[in-house]
Amino acid sequence: NGFDVTAGVSMHHLTLNEYDVADYRTFFKVKPPLRSEDDRQAVVEAVKSGLIDVIGSFHTPQDEESKRLPFEEAASGAVGLETMLPVLMRLYHSGDLDLPTLFRALSLNPAKRMGLECGRLTKGAPADLVLFDPDKPIVLDRFKLLSKSKNTPFDGARLQGKVLETFVSGTSVYRST
């Protein structure tokens, strides 16, 4: 109808489902709650088709104490900034999303939505870049995260896709060891 509307989804809802919560594992408690595998697949298809045009980290760090409570009392949320790329590369390696679709939803579309010149490789745009190896295997170790909070449902997960270096306005701000 010509309305200026966007839709977004979290990395958690694209890669996890209600079975991951298993025995009420609180590091998997996020808002909204994880849903069925059919729902997860439908959300992936919506990103693939462009119906959902933004993927977010939904970075909601929590302290250990607030996550180590009975499930109903535990805080919702998980870190997402450092885990987002390798976690979402699961969708690429499984053949669910190609890299252009993934990066459009991660970078270009959010930048456009916010009226920012970043999120694209064009003359005059800020040189904000992430250099990564899409096939490099990693085992995520929450204690190696730079975030003060370490609550991630992906602790110990075998993933592919390692960030090698990050640039902001052409200046290196992170380099992996």
C-alpha atoms as a PDB file:
ATOM      1  CA  ASN A   1       0.000   0.000   0.000  1.00  0.00           C
ATOM      2  CA  GLY A   2       3.018   2.269  -0.220  1.00  0.00           C
ATOM      3  CA  PHE A   3       3.575   2.512   3.518  1.00  0.00           C
ATOM      4  CA  ASP A   4       7.133   3.071   4.724  1.00  0.00           C
ATOM      5  CA  VAL A   5       7.474  -0.132   6.751  1.00  0.00           C
ATOM      6  CA  THR A   6      10.402  -2.313   7.723  1.00  0.00           C
ATOM      7  CA  ALA A   7      10.576  -5.603   9.602  1.00  0.00           C
ATOM      8  CA  GLY A   8      13.445  -7.022  11.600  1.00  0.00           C
ATOM      9  CA  VAL A   9      14.401 -10.270  13.276  1.00  0.00           C
ATOM     10  CA  SER A  10      17.085 -11.299  15.734  1.00  0.00           C
ATOM     11  CA  MET A  11      19.972 -13.599  14.960  1.00  0.00           C
ATOM     12  CA  HIS A  12      18.689 -15.873  17.721  1.00  0.00           C
ATOM     13  CA  HIS A  13      15.290 -16.353  16.095  1.00  0.00           C
ATOM     14  CA  LEU A  14      16.951 -17.159  12.756  1.00  0.00           C
ATOM     15  CA  THR A  15      19.262 -19.827  14.163  1.00  0.00           C
ATOM     16  CA  LEU A  16      17.609 -21.306  17.281  1.00  0.00           C
ATOM     17  CA  ASN A  17      14.257 -22.806  18.178  1.00  0.00           C
ATOM     18  CA  GLU A  18      12.292 -23.819  21.276  1.00  0.00           C
ATOM     19  CA  TYR A  19      14.110 -27.158  21.490  1.00  0.00           C
ATOM     20  CA  ASP A  20      17.373 -25.340  22.140  1.00  0.00           C
ATOM     21  CA  VAL A  21      15.961 -24.165  25.464  1.00  0.00           C
ATOM     22  CA  ALA A  22      15.813 -27.892  26.382  1.00  0.00           C
ATOM     23  CA  ASP A  23      15.705 -28.206  30.155  1.00  0.00           C
ATOM     24  CA  TYR A  24      14.978 -24.501  30.636  1.00  0.00           C
ATOM     25  CA  ARG A  25      18.523 -23.370  29.900  1.00  0.00           C
ATOM     26  CA  THR A  26      18.415 -19.691  30.795  1.00  0.00           C
ATOM     27  CA  PHE A  27      21.162 -18.576  28.382  1.00  0.00           C
ATOM     28  CA  PHE A  28      18.561 -19.372  25.681  1.00  0.00           C
ATOM     29  CA  LYS A  29      15.897 -17.185  27.293  1.00  0.00           C
ATOM     30  CA  VAL A  30      15.316 -14.255  24.931  1.00  0.00           C
ATOM     31  CA  LYS A  31      12.422 -11.935  24.069  1.00  0.00           C
ATOM     32  CA  PRO A  32      10.283 -12.816  22.318  1.00  0.00           C
ATOM     33  CA  PRO A  33      10.675 -16.464  23.339  1.00  0.00           C
ATOM     34  CA  LEU A  34      12.132 -18.900  20.832  1.00  0.00           C
ATOM     35  CA  ARG A  35       9.467 -20.644  18.765  1.00  0.00           C
ATOM     36  CA  SER A  36       9.064 -23.849  16.763  1.00  0.00           C
ATOM     37  CA  GLU A  37      11.404 -25.017  14.013  1.00  0.00           C
ATOM     38  CA  ASP A  38       8.621 -24.329  11.485  1.00  0.00           C
ATOM     39  CA  ASP A  39       8.494 -20.731  12.726  1.00  0.00           C
ATOM     40  CA  ARG A  40      12.293 -20.427  12.504  1.00  0.00           C
ATOM     41  CA  GLN A  41      12.253 -21.687   8.927  1.00  0.00           C
ATOM     42  CA  ALA A  42       9.417 -19.297   8.026  1.00  0.00           C
ATOM     43  CA  VAL A  43      11.445 -16.362   9.367  1.00  0.00           C
ATOM     44  CA  VAL A  44      14.488 -17.463   7.349  1.00  0.00           C
ATOM     45  CA  GLU A  45      12.294 -17.629   4.230  1.00  0.00           C
ATOM     46  CA  ALA A  46      10.942 -14.147   5.006  1.00  0.00           C
ATOM     47  CA  VAL A  47      14.508 -12.778   5.103  1.00  0.00           C
ATOM     48  CA  LYS A  48      15.320 -14.635   1.892  1.00  0.00           C
ATOM     49  CA  SER A  49      12.319 -13.107   0.105  1.00  0.00           C
ATOM     50  CA  GLY A  50      12.923  -9.608   1.507  1.00  0.00           C
ATOM     51  CA  LEU A  51       9.692  -9.552   3.515  1.00  0.00           C
ATOM     52  CA  ILE A  52      11.893  -9.187   6.604  1.00  0.00           C
ATOM     53  CA  ASP A  53      14.607  -6.757   5.589  1.00  0.00           C
ATOM     54  CA  VAL A  54      16.729  -6.251   8.724  1.00  0.00           C
ATOM     55  CA  ILE A  55      18.636  -8.682  10.943  1.00  0.00           C
ATOM     56  CA  GLY A  56      19.726  -7.424  14.347  1.00  0.00           C
ATOM     57  CA  SER A  57      22.017  -8.740  17.043  1.00  0.00           C
ATOM     58  CA  PHE A  58      19.414  -7.972  19.725  1.00  0.00           C
ATOM     59  CA  HIS A  59      22.483  -7.522  21.941  1.00  0.00           C
ATOM     60  CA  THR A  60      21.006  -7.650  25.435  1.00  0.00           C
ATOM     61  CA  PRO A  61      23.799  -8.480  27.848  1.00  0.00           C
ATOM     62  CA  GLN A  62      22.916  -9.716  31.307  1.00  0.00           C
ATOM     63  CA  ASP A  63      25.067 -10.383  34.335  1.00  0.00           C
ATOM     64  CA  GLU A  64      25.675 -14.007  35.363  1.00  0.00           C
ATOM     65  CA  GLU A  65      23.537 -13.734  38.475  1.00  0.00           C
ATOM     66  CA  SER A  66      20.441 -12.629  36.574  1.00  0.00           C
ATOM     67  CA  LYS A  67      20.775 -15.581  34.170  1.00  0.00           C
ATOM     68  CA  ARG A  68      21.543 -18.216  36.824  1.00  0.00           C
ATOM     69  CA  LEU A  69      18.066 -18.134  38.337  1.00  0.00           C
ATOM     70  CA  PRO A  70      15.100 -20.452  37.811  1.00  0.00           C
ATOM     71  CA  PHE A  71      13.889 -20.045  34.230  1.00  0.00           C
ATOM     72  CA  GLU A  72      10.804 -17.951  35.058  1.00  0.00           C
ATOM     73  CA  GLU A  73      12.855 -15.552  37.191  1.00  0.00           C
ATOM     74  CA  ALA A  74      15.900 -15.333  34.909  1.00  0.00           C
ATOM     75  CA  ALA A  75      16.454 -12.207  32.834  1.00  0.00           C
ATOM     76  CA  SER A  76      15.846 -12.392  29.087  1.00  0.00           C
ATOM     77  CA  GLY A  77      18.630 -11.577  26.697  1.00  0.00           C
ATOM     78  CA  ALA A  78      22.028 -12.539  25.371  1.00  0.00           C
ATOM     79  CA  VAL A  79      25.140 -10.882  24.006  1.00  0.00           C
ATOM     80  CA  GLY A  80      25.132 -10.636  20.247  1.00  0.00           C
ATOM     81  CA  LEU A  81      27.617  -8.153  18.842  1.00  0.00           C
ATOM     82  CA  GLU A  82      30.654 -10.447  18.817  1.00  0.00           C
ATOM     83  CA  THR A  83      28.741 -13.603  17.978  1.00  0.00           C
ATOM     84  CA  MET A  84      26.471 -12.306  15.223  1.00  0.00           C
ATOM     85  CA  LEU A  85      28.588 -12.919  12.130  1.00  0.00           C
ATOM     86  CA  PRO A  86      29.780 -16.475  12.890  1.00  0.00           C
ATOM     87  CA  VAL A  87      26.324 -17.457  14.133  1.00  0.00           C
ATOM     88  CA  LEU A  88      24.582 -16.097  11.039  1.00  0.00           C
ATOM     89  CA  MET A  89      27.132 -17.790   8.792  1.00  0.00           C
ATOM     90  CA  ARG A  90      25.279 -20.991   9.785  1.00  0.00           C
ATOM     91  CA  LEU A  91      22.547 -19.828   7.393  1.00  0.00           C
ATOM     92  CA  TYR A  92      25.081 -19.367   4.597  1.00  0.00           C
ATOM     93  CA  HIS A  93      26.808 -22.710   5.158  1.00  0.00           C
ATOM     94  CA  SER A  94      23.473 -24.533   5.305  1.00  0.00           C
ATOM     95  CA  GLY A  95      22.429 -22.961   1.988  1.00  0.00           C
ATOM     96  CA  ASP A  96      19.500 -21.090   3.555  1.00  0.00           C
ATOM     97  CA  LEU A  97      20.790 -17.587   2.692  1.00  0.00           C
ATOM     98  CA  ASP A  98      23.393 -16.342   0.256  1.00  0.00           C
ATOM     99  CA  LEU A  99      25.972 -13.749   1.331  1.00  0.00           C
ATOM    100  CA  PRO A 100      24.436 -10.788  -0.569  1.00  0.00           C
ATOM    101  CA  THR A 101      21.049 -11.379   1.097  1.00  0.00           C
ATOM    102  CA  LEU A 102      22.655 -11.793   4.497  1.00  0.00           C
ATOM    103  CA  PHE A 103      24.756  -8.632   4.231  1.00  0.00           C
ATOM    104  CA  ARG A 104      21.907  -6.601   2.778  1.00  0.00           C
ATOM    105  CA  ALA A 105      19.850  -7.400   5.885  1.00  0.00           C
ATOM    106  CA  LEU A 106      22.807  -6.916   8.269  1.00  0.00           C
ATOM    107  CA  SER A 107      24.306  -3.726   6.887  1.00  0.00           C
ATOM    108  CA  LEU A 108      22.822  -2.032   3.824  1.00  0.00           C
ATOM    109  CA  ASN A 109      19.146  -2.066   4.810  1.00  0.00           C
ATOM    110  CA  PRO A 110      19.672  -0.873   8.403  1.00  0.00           C
ATOM    111  CA  ALA A 111      21.947   1.950   7.165  1.00  0.00           C
ATOM    112  CA  LYS A 112      19.377   3.012   4.576  1.00  0.00           C
ATOM    113  CA  ARG A 113      16.605   2.860   7.168  1.00  0.00           C
ATOM    114  CA  MET A 114      18.552   5.174   9.472  1.00  0.00           C
ATOM    115  CA  GLY A 115      19.550   7.510   6.635  1.00  0.00           C
ATOM    116  CA  LEU A 116      23.259   6.710   7.040  1.00  0.00           C
ATOM    117  CA  GLU A 117      25.856   6.688   4.278  1.00  0.00           C
ATOM    118  CA  CYS A 118      27.525   3.562   5.658  1.00  0.00           C
ATOM    119  CA  GLY A 119      26.621  -0.044   4.954  1.00  0.00           C
ATOM    120  CA  ARG A 120      27.850   0.012   1.363  1.00  0.00           C
ATOM    121  CA  LEU A 121      31.037   0.047  -0.644  1.00  0.00           C
ATOM    122  CA  THR A 122      30.747   3.231  -2.684  1.00  0.00           C
ATOM    123  CA  LYS A 123      32.936   6.252  -3.351  1.00  0.00           C
ATOM    124  CA  GLY A 124      32.596   8.730  -0.498  1.00  0.00           C
ATOM    125  CA  ALA A 125      31.012   6.252   1.924  1.00  0.00           C
ATOM    126  CA  PRO A 126      32.782   5.625   5.237  1.00  0.00           C
ATOM    127  CA  ALA A 127      35.286   2.769   5.006  1.00  0.00           C
ATOM    128  CA  ASP A 128      33.550   0.702   7.693  1.00  0.00           C
ATOM    129  CA  LEU A 129      34.585  -2.845   6.840  1.00  0.00           C
ATOM    130  CA  VAL A 130      34.777  -6.296   8.355  1.00  0.00           C
ATOM    131  CA  LEU A 131      37.414  -8.624   6.956  1.00  0.00           C
ATOM    132  CA  PHE A 132      36.490 -12.220   7.692  1.00  0.00           C
ATOM    133  CA  ASP A 133      37.175 -15.774   6.610  1.00  0.00           C
ATOM    134  CA  PRO A 134      33.751 -17.339   5.901  1.00  0.00           C
ATOM    135  CA  ASP A 135      35.073 -20.885   6.204  1.00  0.00           C
ATOM    136  CA  LYS A 136      37.404 -20.591   9.208  1.00  0.00           C
ATOM    137  CA  PRO A 137      36.113 -22.930  11.920  1.00  0.00           C
ATOM    138  CA  ILE A 138      35.853 -21.617  15.463  1.00  0.00           C
ATOM    139  CA  VAL A 139      34.538 -22.938  18.741  1.00  0.00           C
ATOM    140  CA  LEU A 140      32.863 -20.074  20.536  1.00  0.00           C
ATOM    141  CA  ASP A 141      34.225 -19.574  24.051  1.00  0.00           C
ATOM    142  CA  ARG A 142      32.164 -17.091  26.013  1.00  0.00           C
ATOM    143  CA  PHE A 143      35.090 -16.310  28.309  1.00  0.00           C
ATOM    144  CA  LYS A 144      37.057 -14.971  25.329  1.00  0.00           C
ATOM    145  CA  LEU A 145      34.346 -12.457  24.422  1.00  0.00           C
ATOM    146  CA  LEU A 146      35.338  -8.821  24.935  1.00  0.00           C
ATOM    147  CA  SER A 147      31.887  -7.931  26.265  1.00  0.00           C
ATOM    148  CA  LYS A 148      31.642  -7.493  30.036  1.00  0.00           C
ATOM    149  CA  SER A 149      28.718  -9.910  29.972  1.00  0.00           C
ATOM    150  CA  LYS A 150      29.284 -13.458  28.793  1.00  0.00           C
ATOM    151  CA  ASN A 151      25.729 -14.756  28.464  1.00  0.00           C
ATOM    152  CA  THR A 152      25.441 -16.401  25.058  1.00  0.00           C
ATOM    153  CA  PRO A 153      23.487 -19.463  24.001  1.00  0.00           C
ATOM    154  CA  PHE A 154      26.327 -20.270  21.596  1.00  0.00           C
ATOM    155  CA  ASP A 155      29.005 -21.054  24.199  1.00  0.00           C
ATOM    156  CA  GLY A 156      30.885 -24.119  22.960  1.00  0.00           C
ATOM    157  CA  ALA A 157      29.166 -24.021  19.547  1.00  0.00           C
ATOM    158  CA  ARG A 158      31.200 -25.073  16.515  1.00  0.00           C
ATOM    159  CA  LEU A 159      30.824 -22.289  13.982  1.00  0.00           C
ATOM    160  CA  GLN A 160      32.382 -21.172  10.701  1.00  0.00           C
ATOM    161  CA  GLY A 161      33.256 -17.588   9.941  1.00  0.00           C
ATOM    162  CA  LYS A 162      35.970 -15.749  11.831  1.00  0.00           C
ATOM    163  CA  VAL A 163      36.312 -11.983  11.925  1.00  0.00           C
ATOM    164  CA  LEU A 164      39.942 -11.185  11.135  1.00  0.00           C
ATOM    165  CA  GLU A 165      39.892  -7.395  11.256  1.00  0.00           C
ATOM    166  CA  THR A 166      37.412  -4.545  11.646  1.00  0.00           C
ATOM    167  CA  PHE A 167      37.819  -1.037  10.234  1.00  0.00           C
ATOM    168  CA  VAL A 168      35.896   2.114  11.149  1.00  0.00           C
ATOM    169  CA  SER A 169      36.339   5.017   8.724  1.00  0.00           C
ATOM    170  CA  GLY A 170      39.349   3.180   7.309  1.00  0.00           C
ATOM    171  CA  THR A 171      41.095   2.768  10.660  1.00  0.00           C
ATOM    172  CA  SER A 172      41.691  -0.713  12.050  1.00  0.00           C
ATOM    173  CA  VAL A 173      39.912  -0.984  15.409  1.00  0.00           C
ATOM    174  CA  TYR A 174      40.115  -4.747  15.903  1.00  0.00           C
ATOM    175  CA  ARG A 175      42.477  -7.467  14.735  1.00  0.00           C
ATOM    176  CA  SER A 176      42.141 -11.099  15.754  1.00  0.00           C
ATOM    177  CA  THR A 177      45.059 -12.885  17.287  1.00  0.00           C
END
